[in-house]
Amino acid sequence: MDESRALIATVRSGLAAAGDPRKAPEMQRYMKSELPFRGVAAPERKALAKELFAAHPLPDETALWTVTRTLWREARYREERYLAIDLTGHRAYRAWQTPALLPLYEEMIVSGAWWDYVDELANRRVGPLLREFPADLTPVMHAWATDDALWKERRERSFVE
């Protein structure tokens, strides 16, 4: 099994093992989420991510895209999407944080369309890219600020005003 598939499988099994089914319904209710939760609180999820990402390093940007998109698009539980976001911010992949990732973040913002996803992506992924690559991203942020997609406009307007 290649590292991408191994990481996806261990993320899913790790979340299943760490989940607390008693907490899951309340988490889902609070987030008004259509996706169910496993019941993994943020501190436990972050510890799990650190462990799994270290055990299954990705070889290149293509693998990062593959794992992130798979966890995001095929998520059966909300925590899978949280781990997809966490993966994109993993320190081992810092060198891959370039404007090339913007289409991935845009997809996650538009398809996620809820504050918990969008706030994390805007503040910890898109914002740092804009600060590091202003010439490349400023025109894109201006376009996002007037976009019909509510969640793109909502967060990205703050970067350009």
Protein backbone atom coordinates (compact mmCIF):
# COMPACT_ATOMS: atom_id res chain seq x y z
CA MET A 1 0.00 0.00 0.00
CA ASP A 2 1.46 3.39 -0.94
CA GLU A 3 1.80 6.13 1.68
CA SER A 4 -1.24 8.03 0.41
CA ARG A 5 -3.59 5.08 0.77
CA ALA A 6 -1.96 4.08 4.05
CA LEU A 7 -2.46 7.55 5.50
CA ILE A 8 -6.10 7.69 4.39
CA ALA A 9 -6.79 4.27 5.91
CA THR A 10 -5.06 5.07 9.19
CA VAL A 11 -6.82 8.43 9.48
CA ARG A 12 -10.16 6.67 9.18
CA SER A 13 -9.29 3.83 11.55
CA GLY A 14 -7.61 6.21 13.99
CA LEU A 15 -10.69 8.43 14.15
CA ALA A 16 -12.91 5.37 14.61
CA ALA A 17 -10.77 4.18 17.53
CA ALA A 18 -10.52 7.63 19.15
CA GLY A 19 -14.17 8.50 18.76
CA ASP A 20 -16.58 8.86 21.64
CA PRO A 21 -20.07 7.97 20.41
CA ARG A 22 -21.60 9.73 23.43
CA LYS A 23 -20.08 13.07 22.35
CA ALA A 24 -20.77 12.71 18.63
CA PRO A 25 -24.48 13.69 18.56
CA GLU A 26 -23.88 16.87 20.57
CA MET A 27 -20.95 17.83 18.35
CA GLN A 28 -23.11 17.33 15.27
CA ARG A 29 -25.97 19.31 16.78
CA TYR A 30 -23.70 22.20 17.80
CA MET A 31 -22.17 22.43 14.32
CA LYS A 32 -25.55 21.94 12.61
CA SER A 33 -23.71 19.44 10.46
CA GLU A 34 -25.18 17.07 7.92
CA LEU A 35 -22.04 14.96 8.30
CA PRO A 36 -22.02 12.95 11.50
CA PHE A 37 -19.16 13.18 13.97
CA ARG A 38 -17.05 10.40 15.42
CA GLY A 39 -16.86 12.29 18.70
CA VAL A 40 -13.16 13.18 18.58
CA ALA A 41 -12.50 16.51 20.31
CA ALA A 42 -9.95 18.93 18.85
CA PRO A 43 -7.07 18.16 21.27
CA GLU A 44 -7.34 14.41 20.65
CA ARG A 45 -7.71 14.99 16.91
CA LYS A 46 -4.58 17.14 16.81
CA ALA A 47 -2.59 14.53 18.76
CA LEU A 48 -3.84 11.83 16.39
CA ALA A 49 -2.91 13.94 13.37
CA LYS A 50 0.61 14.51 14.68
CA GLU A 51 1.10 10.79 15.23
CA LEU A 52 -0.38 9.68 11.90
CA PHE A 53 1.29 12.34 9.77
CA ALA A 54 4.69 11.45 11.27
CA ALA A 55 4.11 7.73 10.69
CA HIS A 56 3.01 8.19 7.07
CA PRO A 57 5.05 10.97 5.45
CA LEU A 58 3.95 11.97 1.98
CA PRO A 59 6.57 11.97 -0.76
CA ASP A 60 5.41 14.96 -2.79
CA GLU A 61 2.79 17.63 -3.44
CA THR A 62 0.75 15.28 -5.61
CA ALA A 63 0.33 12.93 -2.67
CA LEU A 64 -0.68 15.84 -0.45
CA TRP A 65 -3.37 16.83 -2.96
CA THR A 66 -4.53 13.22 -3.32
CA VAL A 67 -4.86 12.54 0.39
CA THR A 68 -6.42 15.91 1.15
CA ARG A 69 -8.98 15.66 -1.63
CA THR A 70 -9.83 12.05 -0.81
CA LEU A 71 -10.36 12.78 2.88
CA TRP A 72 -12.36 15.90 1.99
CA ARG A 73 -14.50 14.58 -0.85
CA GLU A 74 -15.13 11.11 0.58
CA ALA A 75 -15.58 12.15 4.20
CA ARG A 76 -18.14 10.11 6.07
CA TYR A 77 -17.44 11.97 9.31
CA ARG A 78 -16.71 15.65 9.89
CA GLU A 79 -13.40 14.90 11.62
CA GLU A 80 -12.08 13.46 8.34
CA ARG A 81 -12.43 16.92 6.84
CA TYR A 82 -10.78 18.48 9.87
CA LEU A 83 -7.82 16.14 9.40
CA ALA A 84 -7.67 17.03 5.70
CA ILE A 85 -7.29 20.67 6.74
CA ASP A 86 -4.76 19.73 9.43
CA LEU A 87 -2.74 17.80 6.86
CA THR A 88 -2.39 20.84 4.61
CA GLY A 89 -0.88 22.75 7.52
CA HIS A 90 1.48 20.02 8.70
CA ARG A 91 4.95 21.49 9.22
CA ALA A 92 6.63 18.82 7.10
CA TYR A 93 4.79 20.22 4.08
CA ARG A 94 5.52 23.90 4.72
CA ALA A 95 7.61 24.18 1.54
CA TRP A 96 4.55 23.15 -0.47
CA GLN A 97 2.52 26.12 0.77
CA THR A 98 2.50 28.08 -2.47
CA PRO A 99 -0.17 29.68 -4.65
CA ALA A 100 -0.46 26.30 -6.38
CA LEU A 101 -2.53 25.11 -3.39
CA LEU A 102 -5.11 27.87 -3.77
CA PRO A 103 -7.46 25.83 -6.00
CA LEU A 104 -7.51 23.10 -3.34
CA TYR A 105 -8.33 25.63 -0.62
CA GLU A 106 -10.96 27.25 -2.82
CA GLU A 107 -12.67 23.89 -3.33
CA MET A 108 -12.64 23.24 0.41
CA ILE A 109 -14.04 26.69 1.21
CA VAL A 110 -16.83 26.50 -1.36
CA SER A 111 -17.84 22.88 -0.76
CA GLY A 112 -17.38 23.07 3.03
CA ALA A 113 -19.38 26.29 3.31
CA TRP A 114 -19.44 26.49 7.08
CA TRP A 115 -17.58 28.68 9.54
CA ASP A 116 -15.41 26.02 11.19
CA TYR A 117 -13.87 24.96 7.88
CA VAL A 118 -13.72 28.40 6.33
CA ASP A 119 -12.24 30.19 9.33
CA GLU A 120 -9.39 27.69 9.57
CA LEU A 121 -8.69 27.75 5.85
CA ALA A 122 -8.91 31.54 5.56
CA ASN A 123 -6.86 32.34 8.65
CA ARG A 124 -4.24 29.60 8.56
CA ARG A 125 -3.89 28.70 4.89
CA VAL A 126 -5.08 31.44 2.53
CA GLY A 127 -4.07 34.39 4.72
CA PRO A 128 -0.44 33.25 5.09
CA LEU A 129 -0.26 32.59 1.34
CA LEU A 130 -1.54 36.10 0.64
CA ARG A 131 1.05 37.60 2.97
CA GLU A 132 3.87 35.57 1.41
CA PHE A 133 2.78 35.92 -2.22
CA PRO A 134 0.85 39.21 -2.41
CA ALA A 135 1.50 39.85 -6.09
CA ASP A 136 0.10 36.45 -7.04
CA LEU A 137 -2.84 36.33 -4.66
CA THR A 138 -4.11 39.91 -4.36
CA PRO A 139 -5.95 39.80 -7.71
CA VAL A 140 -7.47 36.46 -6.77
CA MET A 141 -8.60 37.81 -3.39
CA HIS A 142 -10.21 40.82 -5.09
CA ALA A 143 -12.15 38.41 -7.31
CA TRP A 144 -13.14 36.28 -4.32
CA ALA A 145 -14.34 39.37 -2.43
CA THR A 146 -17.02 39.93 -5.07
CA ASP A 147 -17.76 36.28 -5.79
CA ASP A 148 -21.30 34.94 -5.53
CA ALA A 149 -20.05 32.08 -3.35
CA LEU A 150 -20.95 33.42 0.08
CA TRP A 151 -18.15 31.70 1.97
CA LYS A 152 -15.41 32.88 -0.39
CA GLU A 153 -16.69 36.44 -0.24
CA ARG A 154 -17.26 36.32 3.53
CA ARG A 155 -13.69 35.56 4.52
CA GLU A 156 -11.62 36.86 1.67
CA ARG A 157 -13.16 40.34 1.75
CA SER A 158 -11.32 40.94 5.02
CA PHE A 159 -7.99 40.37 3.28
CA VAL A 160 -8.54 43.03 0.63
CA GLU A 161 -10.35 45.80 2.51
